């Protein structure tokens, strides 16, 4: 038996801005863009690991107005995550993400005591993204 991550949901009140971040800053590609009434979800994957995907959707999609508003407030506070990505060159990944101008830099690349060199960003929705390179 095998088990692996298939999808990871990411709340994004502005799906287009989040698509631009994951595409331009991280190099992800759109796998599916599915309309669902007045909402939509966009599945994206890294070309290096196309089976591990993120799914961007608006906080109100499939939720009541109150639940969507609560989710939106939590996302804006960075309450979910961080989403941790792995790379073999954190300096190059940082520079690509920074130069895209689509996210907020939280931490430049630095060595951590737990054996990685990593950096951190916030995507346009407020989700924290950490990019780590094993030591």
Protein backbone atom coordinates (compact mmCIF):
# COMPACT_ATOMS: atom_id res chain seq x y z
CA UNK A 1 0.00 0.00 0.00
CA UNK A 2 1.15 3.54 -0.76
CA UNK A 3 -0.18 6.83 0.56
CA UNK A 4 0.74 10.36 -0.46
CA UNK A 5 -0.62 13.88 -0.52
CA UNK A 6 -2.99 14.51 -3.41
CA UNK A 7 -4.51 17.97 -2.81
CA UNK A 8 -4.12 20.71 -0.26
CA UNK A 9 -6.88 23.33 0.00
CA UNK A 10 -5.80 26.98 0.07
CA UNK A 11 -8.37 29.71 0.72
CA UNK A 12 -8.03 32.66 -1.62
CA UNK A 13 -10.56 35.51 -1.65
CA UNK A 14 -9.02 36.75 -4.92
CA UNK A 15 -8.36 33.55 -6.87
CA UNK A 16 -6.79 35.40 -9.82
CA UNK A 17 -4.23 37.15 -7.57
CA UNK A 18 -3.41 33.84 -5.91
CA UNK A 19 -3.02 32.09 -9.26
CA UNK A 20 -0.56 34.82 -10.28
CA UNK A 21 1.45 34.28 -7.07
CA UNK A 22 1.66 30.51 -7.31
CA UNK A 23 2.41 30.72 -11.04
CA UNK A 24 4.84 33.66 -11.17
CA UNK A 25 6.50 33.40 -7.75
CA UNK A 26 6.66 29.62 -7.42
CA UNK A 27 6.40 28.26 -10.95
CA UNK A 28 3.22 26.24 -10.42
CA UNK A 29 0.98 25.53 -13.39
CA UNK A 30 -2.81 25.39 -13.64
CA UNK A 31 -4.07 21.81 -13.80
CA UNK A 32 -7.80 22.63 -13.68
CA UNK A 33 -9.91 25.79 -13.49
CA UNK A 34 -13.44 24.75 -12.55
CA UNK A 35 -16.39 27.14 -12.35
CA UNK A 36 -19.04 26.30 -9.76
CA UNK A 37 -21.91 28.76 -9.78
CA UNK A 38 -20.59 32.19 -8.82
CA UNK A 39 -17.37 30.64 -7.48
CA UNK A 40 -14.55 28.57 -8.90
CA UNK A 41 -11.62 26.54 -7.81
CA UNK A 42 -8.23 26.31 -9.45
CA UNK A 43 -5.98 23.30 -9.02
CA UNK A 44 -2.26 24.01 -9.44
CA UNK A 45 0.87 21.88 -9.26
CA UNK A 46 4.61 22.22 -9.42
CA UNK A 47 6.04 20.84 -12.66
CA UNK A 48 8.60 19.06 -10.45
CA UNK A 49 5.89 17.17 -8.51
CA UNK A 50 2.64 17.28 -10.51
CA UNK A 51 0.87 14.78 -8.24
CA UNK A 52 1.03 17.03 -5.16
CA UNK A 53 -1.48 19.78 -5.86
CA UNK A 54 -2.95 22.85 -4.22
CA UNK A 55 -6.56 23.86 -4.76
CA UNK A 56 -7.32 27.57 -4.59
CA UNK A 57 -10.89 28.48 -3.74
CA UNK A 58 -12.78 31.44 -2.36
CA UNK A 59 -13.59 31.24 1.37
CA UNK A 60 -17.35 31.55 0.68
CA UNK A 61 -17.45 28.69 -1.85
CA UNK A 62 -19.58 25.93 -0.34
CA UNK A 63 -20.00 27.80 2.95
CA UNK A 64 -22.58 30.10 4.49
CA UNK A 65 -21.91 33.83 4.45
CA UNK A 66 -20.96 33.72 8.14
CA UNK A 67 -18.64 30.72 7.74
CA UNK A 68 -16.99 32.30 4.69
CA UNK A 69 -16.50 35.58 6.55
CA UNK A 70 -14.96 33.72 9.51
CA UNK A 71 -12.66 31.77 7.17
CA UNK A 72 -11.65 35.00 5.41
CA UNK A 73 -10.76 36.64 8.74
CA UNK A 74 -8.65 33.63 9.77
CA UNK A 75 -6.84 33.53 6.41
CA UNK A 76 -6.06 37.25 6.65
CA UNK A 77 -4.47 36.60 10.06
CA UNK A 78 -2.33 33.79 8.65
CA UNK A 79 -4.08 31.24 10.87
CA UNK A 80 -3.69 28.37 8.40
CA UNK A 81 -0.34 26.92 7.57
CA UNK A 82 2.35 27.59 6.95
CA UNK A 83 2.46 25.74 3.67
CA UNK A 84 6.02 24.40 3.50
CA UNK A 85 7.57 23.72 0.11
CA UNK A 86 10.90 21.98 -0.50
CA UNK A 87 13.57 23.07 -2.99
CA UNK A 88 17.15 22.22 -3.87
CA UNK A 89 18.05 25.95 -4.22
CA UNK A 90 16.33 28.22 -1.70
CA UNK A 91 18.29 31.29 -2.80
CA UNK A 92 17.07 30.96 -6.40
CA UNK A 93 13.53 30.18 -5.23
CA UNK A 94 13.56 33.23 -2.98
CA UNK A 95 14.79 35.50 -5.75
CA UNK A 96 12.14 34.23 -8.17
CA UNK A 97 9.37 34.73 -5.62
CA UNK A 98 10.64 38.15 -4.49
CA UNK A 99 11.15 39.47 -8.00
CA UNK A 100 7.63 38.39 -9.07
CA UNK A 101 6.21 41.13 -6.83
CA UNK A 102 3.10 39.04 -6.18
CA UNK A 103 3.67 38.16 -2.50
CA UNK A 104 4.99 39.75 0.67
CA UNK A 105 8.50 38.82 1.83
CA UNK A 106 8.46 37.75 5.48
CA UNK A 107 11.96 36.28 5.79
CA UNK A 108 14.98 36.19 3.52
CA UNK A 109 16.84 32.86 3.22
CA UNK A 110 18.53 31.89 6.47
CA UNK A 111 19.94 28.78 8.12
CA UNK A 112 17.67 27.34 10.79
CA UNK A 113 18.70 25.29 13.81
CA UNK A 114 16.56 22.34 12.71
CA UNK A 115 18.65 21.60 9.64
CA UNK A 116 17.16 23.62 6.79
CA UNK A 117 17.80 26.91 5.07
CA UNK A 118 14.46 28.57 4.42
CA UNK A 119 12.62 31.75 3.54
CA UNK A 120 9.02 32.89 3.97
CA UNK A 121 6.34 34.82 2.09
CA UNK A 122 2.66 35.64 2.40
CA UNK A 123 0.56 34.95 -0.66
CA UNK A 124 -2.02 37.59 -1.68
CA UNK A 125 -4.62 36.00 0.63
CA UNK A 126 -2.34 36.08 3.69
CA UNK A 127 -1.36 32.40 3.72
CA UNK A 128 2.24 31.91 4.89
CA UNK A 129 4.47 30.03 2.45
CA UNK A 130 7.84 28.72 3.62
CA UNK A 131 10.37 27.43 1.10
CA UNK A 132 12.96 25.10 2.62
CA UNK A 133 16.19 23.56 1.40
CA UNK A 134 17.47 20.60 3.43
CA UNK A 135 20.98 21.14 4.83
